[in-house]
N, C-alpha and C. Protein backbone atom coordinates (compact mmCIF):
# COMPACT_ATOMS: atom_id res chain seq x y z
N UNK A 1 -9.11 -6.73 -47.33
CA UNK A 1 -8.28 -5.85 -46.60
C UNK A 1 -7.14 -6.60 -45.91
N UNK A 2 -7.48 -7.75 -45.45
CA UNK A 2 -6.47 -8.58 -44.83
C UNK A 2 -5.40 -8.96 -45.85
N UNK A 3 -5.83 -9.26 -47.07
CA UNK A 3 -4.92 -9.62 -48.16
C UNK A 3 -4.02 -8.43 -48.48
N UNK A 4 -4.57 -7.26 -48.47
CA UNK A 4 -3.80 -6.05 -48.78
C UNK A 4 -2.73 -5.84 -47.70
N UNK A 5 -3.03 -6.10 -46.48
CA UNK A 5 -2.09 -5.96 -45.39
C UNK A 5 -0.97 -6.98 -45.54
N UNK A 6 -1.32 -8.19 -45.94
CA UNK A 6 -0.31 -9.23 -46.16
C UNK A 6 0.60 -8.82 -47.32
N UNK A 7 0.05 -8.26 -48.40
CA UNK A 7 0.85 -7.81 -49.53
C UNK A 7 1.78 -6.65 -49.13
N UNK A 8 1.29 -5.77 -48.32
CA UNK A 8 2.11 -4.64 -47.86
C UNK A 8 3.25 -5.17 -46.99
N UNK A 9 2.96 -6.18 -46.18
CA UNK A 9 4.00 -6.77 -45.34
C UNK A 9 5.04 -7.47 -46.21
N UNK A 10 4.60 -8.16 -47.24
CA UNK A 10 5.52 -8.82 -48.16
C UNK A 10 6.39 -7.78 -48.85
N UNK A 11 5.78 -6.69 -49.29
CA UNK A 11 6.52 -5.61 -49.94
C UNK A 11 7.52 -4.99 -48.96
N UNK A 12 7.12 -4.83 -47.74
CA UNK A 12 8.01 -4.27 -46.72
C UNK A 12 9.19 -5.20 -46.48
N UNK A 13 8.88 -6.50 -46.39
CA UNK A 13 9.94 -7.46 -46.18
C UNK A 13 10.88 -7.50 -47.39
N UNK A 14 10.33 -7.40 -48.57
CA UNK A 14 11.14 -7.39 -49.78
C UNK A 14 12.03 -6.15 -49.79
N UNK A 15 11.43 -5.01 -49.45
CA UNK A 15 12.23 -3.78 -49.41
C UNK A 15 13.33 -3.86 -48.36
N UNK A 16 12.99 -4.42 -47.21
CA UNK A 16 13.99 -4.57 -46.15
C UNK A 16 15.08 -5.54 -46.60
N UNK A 17 14.69 -6.60 -47.24
CA UNK A 17 15.66 -7.57 -47.76
C UNK A 17 16.58 -6.92 -48.79
N UNK A 18 15.99 -6.14 -49.68
CA UNK A 18 16.78 -5.45 -50.70
C UNK A 18 17.72 -4.45 -50.04
N UNK A 19 17.23 -3.73 -49.04
CA UNK A 19 18.05 -2.76 -48.32
C UNK A 19 19.24 -3.46 -47.69
N UNK A 20 18.99 -4.57 -46.99
CA UNK A 20 20.08 -5.30 -46.35
C UNK A 20 21.04 -5.92 -47.36
N UNK A 21 20.52 -6.33 -48.48
CA UNK A 21 21.37 -6.85 -49.54
C UNK A 21 22.29 -5.76 -50.08
N UNK A 22 21.74 -4.59 -50.32
CA UNK A 22 22.55 -3.44 -50.80
C UNK A 22 23.58 -3.06 -49.75
N UNK A 23 23.15 -3.02 -48.49
CA UNK A 23 24.06 -2.70 -47.40
C UNK A 23 25.19 -3.73 -47.33
N UNK A 24 24.85 -4.99 -47.44
CA UNK A 24 25.83 -6.06 -47.42
C UNK A 24 26.84 -5.91 -48.57
N UNK A 25 26.34 -5.65 -49.78
CA UNK A 25 27.20 -5.47 -50.95
C UNK A 25 28.10 -4.25 -50.74
N UNK A 26 27.54 -3.17 -50.22
CA UNK A 26 28.31 -1.96 -49.98
C UNK A 26 29.44 -2.23 -48.98
N UNK A 27 29.10 -2.91 -47.88
CA UNK A 27 30.11 -3.23 -46.86
C UNK A 27 31.17 -4.16 -47.44
N UNK A 28 30.71 -5.17 -48.16
CA UNK A 28 31.63 -6.11 -48.78
C UNK A 28 32.55 -5.40 -49.76
N UNK A 29 31.98 -4.49 -50.55
CA UNK A 29 32.75 -3.73 -51.53
C UNK A 29 33.79 -2.87 -50.83
N UNK A 30 33.40 -2.21 -49.74
CA UNK A 30 34.34 -1.37 -49.00
C UNK A 30 35.48 -2.21 -48.45
N UNK A 31 35.16 -3.39 -47.91
CA UNK A 31 36.20 -4.27 -47.39
C UNK A 31 37.13 -4.71 -48.51
N UNK A 32 36.54 -5.01 -49.66
CA UNK A 32 37.33 -5.44 -50.80
C UNK A 32 38.24 -4.32 -51.27
N UNK A 33 37.70 -3.13 -51.40
CA UNK A 33 38.50 -1.97 -51.83
C UNK A 33 39.58 -1.69 -50.80
N UNK A 34 39.21 -1.75 -49.54
CA UNK A 34 40.19 -1.54 -48.48
C UNK A 34 41.30 -2.57 -48.55
N UNK A 35 40.94 -3.81 -48.78
CA UNK A 35 41.94 -4.87 -48.90
C UNK A 35 42.85 -4.65 -50.10
N UNK A 36 42.27 -4.21 -51.20
CA UNK A 36 43.06 -3.94 -52.40
C UNK A 36 44.04 -2.80 -52.14
N UNK A 37 43.56 -1.72 -51.50
CA UNK A 37 44.45 -0.61 -51.18
C UNK A 37 45.56 -1.06 -50.24
N UNK A 38 45.22 -1.83 -49.24
CA UNK A 38 46.22 -2.32 -48.31
C UNK A 38 47.27 -3.15 -49.04
N UNK A 39 46.83 -4.03 -49.89
CA UNK A 39 47.74 -4.87 -50.67
C UNK A 39 48.63 -4.01 -51.58
N UNK A 40 48.03 -3.03 -52.23
CA UNK A 40 48.78 -2.14 -53.12
C UNK A 40 49.89 -1.44 -52.35
N UNK A 41 49.56 -0.88 -51.19
CA UNK A 41 50.57 -0.15 -50.43
C UNK A 41 51.65 -1.06 -49.89
N UNK A 42 51.31 -2.30 -49.54
CA UNK A 42 52.34 -3.24 -49.09
C UNK A 42 53.30 -3.57 -50.23
N UNK A 43 52.74 -3.82 -51.42
CA UNK A 43 53.58 -4.13 -52.58
C UNK A 43 54.44 -2.92 -52.95
N UNK A 44 53.83 -1.74 -52.95
CA UNK A 44 54.55 -0.51 -53.29
C UNK A 44 55.70 -0.28 -52.31
N UNK A 45 55.42 -0.47 -51.02
CA UNK A 45 56.45 -0.30 -50.00
C UNK A 45 57.58 -1.30 -50.21
N UNK A 46 57.24 -2.52 -50.54
CA UNK A 46 58.24 -3.56 -50.79
C UNK A 46 59.12 -3.20 -51.99
N UNK A 47 58.49 -2.69 -53.04
CA UNK A 47 59.25 -2.28 -54.23
C UNK A 47 60.19 -1.14 -53.89
N UNK A 48 59.73 -0.18 -53.11
CA UNK A 48 60.58 0.95 -52.71
C UNK A 48 61.77 0.46 -51.89
N UNK A 49 61.52 -0.48 -50.98
CA UNK A 49 62.62 -1.02 -50.18
C UNK A 49 63.63 -1.72 -51.07
N UNK A 50 63.16 -2.45 -52.08
CA UNK A 50 64.07 -3.14 -53.01
C UNK A 50 64.90 -2.13 -53.79
N UNK A 51 64.27 -1.05 -54.24
CA UNK A 51 65.01 -0.01 -54.98
C UNK A 51 66.07 0.61 -54.10
N UNK A 52 65.73 0.87 -52.84
CA UNK A 52 66.70 1.47 -51.92
C UNK A 52 67.86 0.52 -51.69
N UNK A 53 67.56 -0.78 -51.50
CA UNK A 53 68.64 -1.76 -51.33
C UNK A 53 69.54 -1.81 -52.55
N UNK A 54 68.94 -1.75 -53.74
CA UNK A 54 69.70 -1.77 -54.98
C UNK A 54 70.57 -0.53 -55.09
N UNK A 55 70.03 0.62 -54.76
CA UNK A 55 70.81 1.86 -54.82
C UNK A 55 71.96 1.81 -53.83
N UNK A 56 71.74 1.25 -52.65
CA UNK A 56 72.79 1.18 -51.66
C UNK A 56 73.88 0.19 -52.05
N UNK A 57 73.53 -0.81 -52.85
CA UNK A 57 74.53 -1.79 -53.26
C UNK A 57 75.43 -1.23 -54.35
N UNK A 58 74.96 -0.24 -55.08
CA UNK A 58 75.77 0.39 -56.11
C UNK A 58 76.57 1.49 -55.44
N UNK A 59 77.83 1.70 -55.90
CA UNK A 59 78.63 2.72 -55.27
C UNK A 59 78.24 4.10 -55.78
N UNK A 60 77.08 4.50 -55.37
CA UNK A 60 76.56 5.83 -55.71
C UNK A 60 76.01 6.42 -54.43
N UNK A 61 75.65 7.68 -54.46
CA UNK A 61 75.10 8.29 -53.25
C UNK A 61 73.90 7.51 -52.73
N UNK A 62 73.73 7.52 -51.42
CA UNK A 62 72.72 6.70 -50.78
C UNK A 62 71.31 7.23 -50.92
N UNK A 63 71.12 8.49 -51.12
CA UNK A 63 69.77 9.02 -51.23
C UNK A 63 69.73 10.15 -52.24
N UNK A 64 68.52 10.48 -52.66
CA UNK A 64 68.38 11.55 -53.64
C UNK A 64 68.82 12.90 -53.10
N UNK A 65 68.78 13.08 -51.76
CA UNK A 65 69.22 14.35 -51.20
C UNK A 65 70.71 14.56 -51.45
N UNK A 66 71.48 13.45 -51.51
CA UNK A 66 72.91 13.57 -51.72
C UNK A 66 73.26 13.87 -53.18
N UNK A 67 72.36 13.59 -54.08
CA UNK A 67 72.62 13.88 -55.49
C UNK A 67 72.40 15.36 -55.75
N UNK A 68 73.43 16.02 -56.19
CA UNK A 68 73.32 17.45 -56.44
C UNK A 68 73.24 17.74 -57.93
N UNK A 69 73.45 16.74 -58.73
CA UNK A 69 73.37 16.85 -60.18
C UNK A 69 74.18 18.03 -60.73
N UNK A 70 75.48 17.83 -60.70
CA UNK A 70 76.36 18.80 -61.33
C UNK A 70 76.03 18.91 -62.80
N UNK A 71 76.03 20.10 -63.30
CA UNK A 71 75.79 20.27 -64.73
C UNK A 71 77.03 19.80 -65.49
N UNK A 72 76.86 19.50 -66.76
CA UNK A 72 78.00 19.07 -67.58
C UNK A 72 79.07 20.13 -67.64
N UNK A 73 78.66 21.36 -67.75
CA UNK A 73 79.62 22.47 -67.83
C UNK A 73 80.42 22.56 -66.54
N UNK A 74 79.72 22.50 -65.41
CA UNK A 74 80.39 22.58 -64.11
C UNK A 74 81.29 21.36 -63.90
N UNK A 75 80.82 20.19 -64.28
CA UNK A 75 81.62 18.97 -64.14
C UNK A 75 82.90 19.06 -64.95
N UNK A 76 82.78 19.52 -66.19
CA UNK A 76 83.96 19.64 -67.06
C UNK A 76 84.98 20.62 -66.48
N UNK A 77 84.48 21.72 -65.94
CA UNK A 77 85.37 22.73 -65.36
C UNK A 77 86.09 22.15 -64.13
N UNK A 78 85.35 21.44 -63.30
CA UNK A 78 85.96 20.85 -62.10
C UNK A 78 86.92 19.71 -62.46
N UNK A 79 86.57 18.92 -63.47
CA UNK A 79 87.47 17.85 -63.90
C UNK A 79 88.77 18.41 -64.47
N UNK A 80 88.67 19.55 -65.14
CA UNK A 80 89.87 20.21 -65.68
C UNK A 80 90.78 20.64 -64.52
N UNK A 81 90.18 21.17 -63.46
CA UNK A 81 90.97 21.58 -62.29
C UNK A 81 91.54 20.36 -61.57
N UNK A 82 90.81 19.27 -61.59
CA UNK A 82 91.29 18.03 -60.99
C UNK A 82 92.52 17.51 -61.75
N UNK A 83 92.50 17.62 -63.08
CA UNK A 83 93.65 17.22 -63.89
C UNK A 83 94.86 18.10 -63.58
N UNK A 84 94.61 19.38 -63.32
CA UNK A 84 95.70 20.30 -62.95
C UNK A 84 96.29 19.87 -61.60
N UNK A 85 95.43 19.47 -60.67
CA UNK A 85 95.86 18.96 -59.37
C UNK A 85 96.78 17.75 -59.57
N UNK A 86 96.39 16.86 -60.47
CA UNK A 86 97.18 15.67 -60.75
C UNK A 86 98.50 16.04 -61.44
N UNK A 87 98.43 16.92 -62.43
CA UNK A 87 99.62 17.30 -63.19
C UNK A 87 100.66 17.96 -62.29
N UNK A 88 100.19 18.77 -61.35
CA UNK A 88 101.10 19.45 -60.42
C UNK A 88 101.53 18.56 -59.26
N UNK A 89 101.07 17.33 -59.28
CA UNK A 89 101.42 16.32 -58.27
C UNK A 89 101.16 16.80 -56.84
N UNK A 90 100.04 17.51 -56.68
CA UNK A 90 99.67 18.01 -55.35
C UNK A 90 99.34 16.87 -54.38
N UNK A 91 99.01 15.72 -54.90
CA UNK A 91 98.67 14.56 -54.07
C UNK A 91 99.86 14.03 -53.28
N UNK A 92 101.09 14.43 -53.65
CA UNK A 92 102.27 14.00 -52.90
C UNK A 92 102.45 14.82 -51.62
N UNK A 93 101.66 15.84 -51.46
CA UNK A 93 101.68 16.66 -50.24
C UNK A 93 101.02 15.86 -49.11
N UNK A 94 101.69 15.71 -47.99
CA UNK A 94 101.16 14.93 -46.87
C UNK A 94 99.90 15.55 -46.28
N UNK A 95 99.74 16.84 -46.47
CA UNK A 95 98.60 17.55 -45.89
C UNK A 95 97.37 17.57 -46.79
N UNK A 96 97.40 16.84 -47.88
CA UNK A 96 96.24 16.80 -48.77
C UNK A 96 95.09 16.15 -48.02
N UNK A 97 93.97 16.86 -48.03
CA UNK A 97 92.77 16.34 -47.39
C UNK A 97 91.60 16.59 -48.33
N UNK A 98 90.46 16.09 -47.95
CA UNK A 98 89.26 16.29 -48.76
C UNK A 98 88.96 17.78 -48.89
N UNK A 99 89.03 18.51 -47.78
CA UNK A 99 88.74 19.95 -47.82
C UNK A 99 89.82 20.71 -48.61
N UNK A 100 91.07 20.26 -48.52
CA UNK A 100 92.14 20.89 -49.31
C UNK A 100 91.84 20.76 -50.80
N UNK A 101 91.46 19.55 -51.22
CA UNK A 101 91.16 19.32 -52.63
C UNK A 101 89.94 20.13 -53.08
N UNK A 102 88.92 20.18 -52.25
CA UNK A 102 87.72 20.97 -52.59
C UNK A 102 88.10 22.44 -52.79
N UNK A 103 88.91 22.98 -51.90
CA UNK A 103 89.36 24.37 -52.04
C UNK A 103 90.25 24.55 -53.27
N UNK A 104 91.11 23.57 -53.51
CA UNK A 104 92.04 23.65 -54.64
C UNK A 104 91.30 23.75 -55.98
N UNK A 105 90.25 22.95 -56.12
CA UNK A 105 89.52 22.99 -57.40
C UNK A 105 88.35 23.98 -57.37
N UNK A 106 88.16 24.64 -56.23
CA UNK A 106 87.17 25.71 -56.15
C UNK A 106 85.73 25.24 -56.09
N UNK A 107 85.47 24.25 -55.24
CA UNK A 107 84.09 23.78 -55.09
C UNK A 107 83.84 23.43 -53.63
N UNK A 108 82.63 23.00 -53.35
CA UNK A 108 82.32 22.57 -51.98
C UNK A 108 82.47 21.05 -51.87
N UNK A 109 82.42 20.57 -50.66
CA UNK A 109 82.68 19.14 -50.43
C UNK A 109 81.61 18.24 -51.05
N UNK A 110 80.36 18.70 -51.09
CA UNK A 110 79.30 17.87 -51.69
C UNK A 110 79.51 17.70 -53.19
N UNK A 111 79.87 18.78 -53.88
CA UNK A 111 80.12 18.69 -55.31
C UNK A 111 81.36 17.83 -55.59
N UNK A 112 82.39 18.00 -54.76
CA UNK A 112 83.60 17.19 -54.95
C UNK A 112 83.28 15.71 -54.76
N UNK A 113 82.51 15.40 -53.74
CA UNK A 113 82.12 14.01 -53.50
C UNK A 113 81.37 13.44 -54.69
N UNK A 114 80.43 14.19 -55.22
CA UNK A 114 79.66 13.74 -56.39
C UNK A 114 80.57 13.59 -57.61
N UNK A 115 81.45 14.55 -57.81
CA UNK A 115 82.37 14.51 -58.94
C UNK A 115 83.24 13.25 -58.90
N UNK A 116 83.79 12.95 -57.75
CA UNK A 116 84.64 11.77 -57.62
C UNK A 116 83.85 10.47 -57.80
N UNK A 117 82.65 10.41 -57.23
CA UNK A 117 81.86 9.19 -57.33
C UNK A 117 81.36 8.94 -58.74
N UNK A 118 80.90 9.97 -59.40
CA UNK A 118 80.28 9.78 -60.71
C UNK A 118 81.28 9.80 -61.85
N UNK A 119 82.22 10.73 -61.84
CA UNK A 119 83.12 10.89 -62.98
C UNK A 119 84.45 10.16 -62.83
N UNK A 120 84.90 9.95 -61.61
CA UNK A 120 86.17 9.26 -61.39
C UNK A 120 85.90 7.83 -60.89
N UNK A 121 84.70 7.61 -60.38
CA UNK A 121 84.25 6.32 -59.88
C UNK A 121 85.11 5.84 -58.71
N UNK A 122 85.48 6.78 -57.84
CA UNK A 122 86.29 6.46 -56.66
C UNK A 122 85.88 7.36 -55.51
N UNK A 123 86.20 6.90 -54.31
CA UNK A 123 86.07 7.77 -53.15
C UNK A 123 87.32 8.64 -53.10
N UNK A 124 87.31 9.64 -52.24
CA UNK A 124 88.48 10.51 -52.12
C UNK A 124 89.72 9.70 -51.76
N UNK A 125 89.59 8.81 -50.78
CA UNK A 125 90.74 8.01 -50.33
C UNK A 125 91.28 7.13 -51.45
N UNK A 126 90.38 6.47 -52.17
CA UNK A 126 90.82 5.63 -53.30
C UNK A 126 91.53 6.46 -54.35
N UNK A 127 90.98 7.61 -54.63
CA UNK A 127 91.54 8.50 -55.65
C UNK A 127 92.97 8.92 -55.28
N UNK A 128 93.15 9.42 -54.06
CA UNK A 128 94.47 9.89 -53.62
C UNK A 128 95.45 8.72 -53.52
N UNK A 129 95.02 7.62 -52.94
CA UNK A 129 95.91 6.46 -52.81
C UNK A 129 96.36 5.93 -54.17
N UNK A 130 95.44 5.85 -55.12
CA UNK A 130 95.81 5.38 -56.46
C UNK A 130 96.80 6.33 -57.12
N UNK A 131 96.59 7.63 -56.98
CA UNK A 131 97.54 8.59 -57.55
C UNK A 131 98.92 8.44 -56.94
N UNK A 132 98.97 8.29 -55.64
CA UNK A 132 100.26 8.15 -54.94
C UNK A 132 100.99 6.87 -55.33
N UNK A 133 100.26 5.76 -55.39
CA UNK A 133 100.91 4.49 -55.73
C UNK A 133 101.36 4.50 -57.19
N UNK A 134 100.55 5.07 -58.08
CA UNK A 134 100.96 5.20 -59.48
C UNK A 134 102.21 6.06 -59.60
N UNK A 135 102.27 7.12 -58.82
CA UNK A 135 103.42 8.03 -58.84
C UNK A 135 104.69 7.29 -58.42
N UNK A 136 104.63 6.57 -57.31
CA UNK A 136 105.86 5.92 -56.82
C UNK A 136 106.26 4.75 -57.72
N UNK A 137 105.29 4.02 -58.26
CA UNK A 137 105.66 2.92 -59.16
C UNK A 137 106.28 3.46 -60.44
N UNK A 138 105.81 4.60 -60.90
CA UNK A 138 106.40 5.24 -62.07
C UNK A 138 107.85 5.64 -61.78
N UNK A 139 108.09 6.21 -60.60
CA UNK A 139 109.47 6.56 -60.22
C UNK A 139 110.34 5.31 -60.14
N UNK A 140 109.81 4.26 -59.57
CA UNK A 140 110.60 3.03 -59.45
C UNK A 140 110.93 2.43 -60.82
N UNK A 141 110.00 2.53 -61.76
CA UNK A 141 110.25 2.05 -63.12
C UNK A 141 111.33 2.88 -63.83
N UNK A 142 111.16 4.18 -63.77
CA UNK A 142 111.98 5.07 -64.61
C UNK A 142 113.19 5.67 -63.92
N UNK A 143 113.26 5.62 -62.62
CA UNK A 143 114.40 6.17 -61.87
C UNK A 143 115.01 5.06 -61.01
N UNK A 144 115.97 4.33 -61.54
CA UNK A 144 116.53 3.18 -60.81
C UNK A 144 117.07 3.50 -59.41
N UNK A 145 117.49 4.75 -59.17
CA UNK A 145 118.03 5.09 -57.84
C UNK A 145 116.97 4.90 -56.74
N UNK A 146 115.69 5.05 -57.07
CA UNK A 146 114.63 4.88 -56.07
C UNK A 146 114.51 3.43 -55.59
N UNK A 147 114.99 2.50 -56.38
CA UNK A 147 114.91 1.09 -56.01
C UNK A 147 115.82 0.76 -54.82
N UNK A 148 116.80 1.64 -54.55
CA UNK A 148 117.73 1.42 -53.44
C UNK A 148 117.32 2.16 -52.17
N UNK A 149 116.29 2.98 -52.24
CA UNK A 149 115.84 3.73 -51.07
C UNK A 149 115.01 2.85 -50.15
N UNK A 150 114.96 3.26 -48.90
CA UNK A 150 114.17 2.54 -47.91
C UNK A 150 112.68 2.78 -48.17
N UNK A 151 111.86 1.84 -47.72
CA UNK A 151 110.41 1.92 -47.91
C UNK A 151 109.85 3.18 -47.25
N UNK A 152 110.39 3.55 -46.11
CA UNK A 152 109.93 4.76 -45.41
C UNK A 152 110.13 6.00 -46.28
N UNK A 153 111.28 6.08 -46.95
CA UNK A 153 111.55 7.22 -47.83
C UNK A 153 110.59 7.23 -49.03
N UNK A 154 110.34 6.06 -49.59
CA UNK A 154 109.41 5.96 -50.72
C UNK A 154 108.00 6.41 -50.29
N UNK A 155 107.61 6.00 -49.09
CA UNK A 155 106.29 6.38 -48.56
C UNK A 155 106.19 7.90 -48.44
N UNK A 156 107.23 8.52 -47.89
CA UNK A 156 107.23 9.98 -47.72
C UNK A 156 107.26 10.69 -49.07
N UNK A 157 107.99 10.13 -50.03
CA UNK A 157 108.11 10.74 -51.36
C UNK A 157 106.77 10.86 -52.06
N UNK A 158 105.92 9.86 -51.89
CA UNK A 158 104.63 9.91 -52.59
C UNK A 158 103.51 10.49 -51.72
N UNK A 159 103.83 10.94 -50.50
CA UNK A 159 102.85 11.68 -49.71
C UNK A 159 102.30 10.99 -48.48
N UNK A 160 102.77 9.79 -48.19
CA UNK A 160 102.28 9.10 -46.99
C UNK A 160 103.08 9.52 -45.78
N UNK A 161 102.41 9.71 -44.67
CA UNK A 161 103.11 10.05 -43.44
C UNK A 161 103.40 8.80 -42.61
N UNK A 162 102.85 7.67 -43.05
CA UNK A 162 103.04 6.41 -42.33
C UNK A 162 103.51 5.32 -43.29
N UNK A 163 104.57 4.65 -42.91
CA UNK A 163 105.11 3.54 -43.70
C UNK A 163 104.08 2.42 -43.82
N UNK A 164 103.36 2.16 -42.72
CA UNK A 164 102.39 1.07 -42.68
C UNK A 164 101.23 1.31 -43.63
N UNK A 165 100.73 2.53 -43.66
CA UNK A 165 99.61 2.85 -44.56
C UNK A 165 100.06 2.75 -46.01
N UNK A 166 101.27 3.25 -46.29
CA UNK A 166 101.83 3.13 -47.64
C UNK A 166 101.92 1.66 -48.04
N UNK A 167 102.47 0.86 -47.15
CA UNK A 167 102.65 -0.57 -47.41
C UNK A 167 101.31 -1.24 -47.71
N UNK A 168 100.32 -0.96 -46.86
CA UNK A 168 98.98 -1.56 -47.03
C UNK A 168 98.35 -1.14 -48.37
N UNK A 169 98.41 0.14 -48.70
CA UNK A 169 97.81 0.64 -49.95
C UNK A 169 98.57 0.17 -51.18
N UNK A 170 99.89 0.08 -51.07
CA UNK A 170 100.70 -0.42 -52.18
C UNK A 170 100.32 -1.87 -52.48
N UNK A 171 100.26 -2.67 -51.44
CA UNK A 171 99.93 -4.10 -51.60
C UNK A 171 98.51 -4.27 -52.15
N UNK A 172 97.60 -3.44 -51.70
CA UNK A 172 96.21 -3.52 -52.17
C UNK A 172 96.12 -3.22 -53.67
N UNK A 173 96.83 -2.20 -54.12
CA UNK A 173 96.75 -1.81 -55.53
C UNK A 173 97.60 -2.70 -56.43
N UNK A 174 98.82 -3.01 -56.01
CA UNK A 174 99.77 -3.72 -56.87
C UNK A 174 99.77 -5.24 -56.65
N UNK A 175 99.06 -5.70 -55.65
CA UNK A 175 98.96 -7.13 -55.34
C UNK A 175 100.30 -7.74 -54.93
N UNK A 176 101.19 -6.89 -54.44
CA UNK A 176 102.48 -7.33 -53.91
C UNK A 176 103.03 -6.22 -53.02
N UNK A 177 103.96 -6.55 -52.18
CA UNK A 177 104.55 -5.55 -51.29
C UNK A 177 105.51 -4.66 -52.09
N UNK A 178 105.85 -3.49 -51.55
CA UNK A 178 106.84 -2.65 -52.25
C UNK A 178 108.18 -3.37 -52.44
N UNK A 179 108.60 -4.13 -51.44
CA UNK A 179 109.87 -4.86 -51.54
C UNK A 179 109.83 -5.89 -52.66
N UNK A 180 108.72 -6.61 -52.77
CA UNK A 180 108.58 -7.59 -53.85
C UNK A 180 108.58 -6.89 -55.21
N UNK A 181 107.91 -5.76 -55.28
CA UNK A 181 107.85 -4.99 -56.52
C UNK A 181 109.26 -4.57 -56.96
N UNK A 182 110.02 -4.05 -56.01
CA UNK A 182 111.39 -3.60 -56.31
C UNK A 182 112.27 -4.78 -56.70
N UNK A 183 112.11 -5.88 -55.98
CA UNK A 183 112.88 -7.10 -56.30
C UNK A 183 112.58 -7.56 -57.73
N UNK A 184 111.29 -7.53 -58.11
CA UNK A 184 110.91 -7.93 -59.46
C UNK A 184 111.51 -6.99 -60.51
N UNK A 185 111.52 -5.70 -60.22
CA UNK A 185 112.12 -4.73 -61.16
C UNK A 185 113.62 -4.99 -61.32
N UNK A 186 114.29 -5.25 -60.20
CA UNK A 186 115.72 -5.51 -60.26
C UNK A 186 116.04 -6.81 -61.01
N UNK A 187 115.21 -7.81 -60.82
CA UNK A 187 115.45 -9.09 -61.50
C UNK A 187 115.14 -8.99 -62.99
N UNK A 188 114.22 -8.12 -63.37
CA UNK A 188 113.92 -7.92 -64.80
C UNK A 188 115.08 -7.29 -65.54
N UNK A 189 115.85 -6.48 -64.84
CA UNK A 189 116.99 -5.80 -65.45
C UNK A 189 118.15 -6.80 -65.68
N UNK A 190 118.33 -7.70 -64.73
CA UNK A 190 119.45 -8.66 -64.82
C UNK A 190 119.14 -9.78 -65.72
């Protein structure tokens, strides 16, 4: 009987040992799984931050909320109206603004912003400034009388209300001042 009691105690100790071993493995497993999940979420968060940084470095909208995904049909229709705006030289109007252009082509400001960024690859300011500088350089090339006008008059002719802004944008696009440009045109003729 004493031997039977010793065997029962051994069995109890074995069962307790097995129980604690299973408990230990379960706890260890939970910690391991928890650690794996934590690591996964840290890596995932890091990847998302990298994607956001990459998106912000590209000249595209900053977030998915800003993307309105104009349809091809709508984009083509708006681009056609934008060409009409250019053909009619509406950009030479000093009062041209972002809202004016949106109304002119019959869209809202968000669609216009997307249209310019994706299809023209410019901001509104870049778009208007490039049109104006191209317009005045074309006049200077083909209409020699414009070469004798003052810079202020040239600025007003292409839609700028400020001589300084015209000068800055001209130099930025043409890599020379308006005066240098005119001087070069005059020297090419002689």
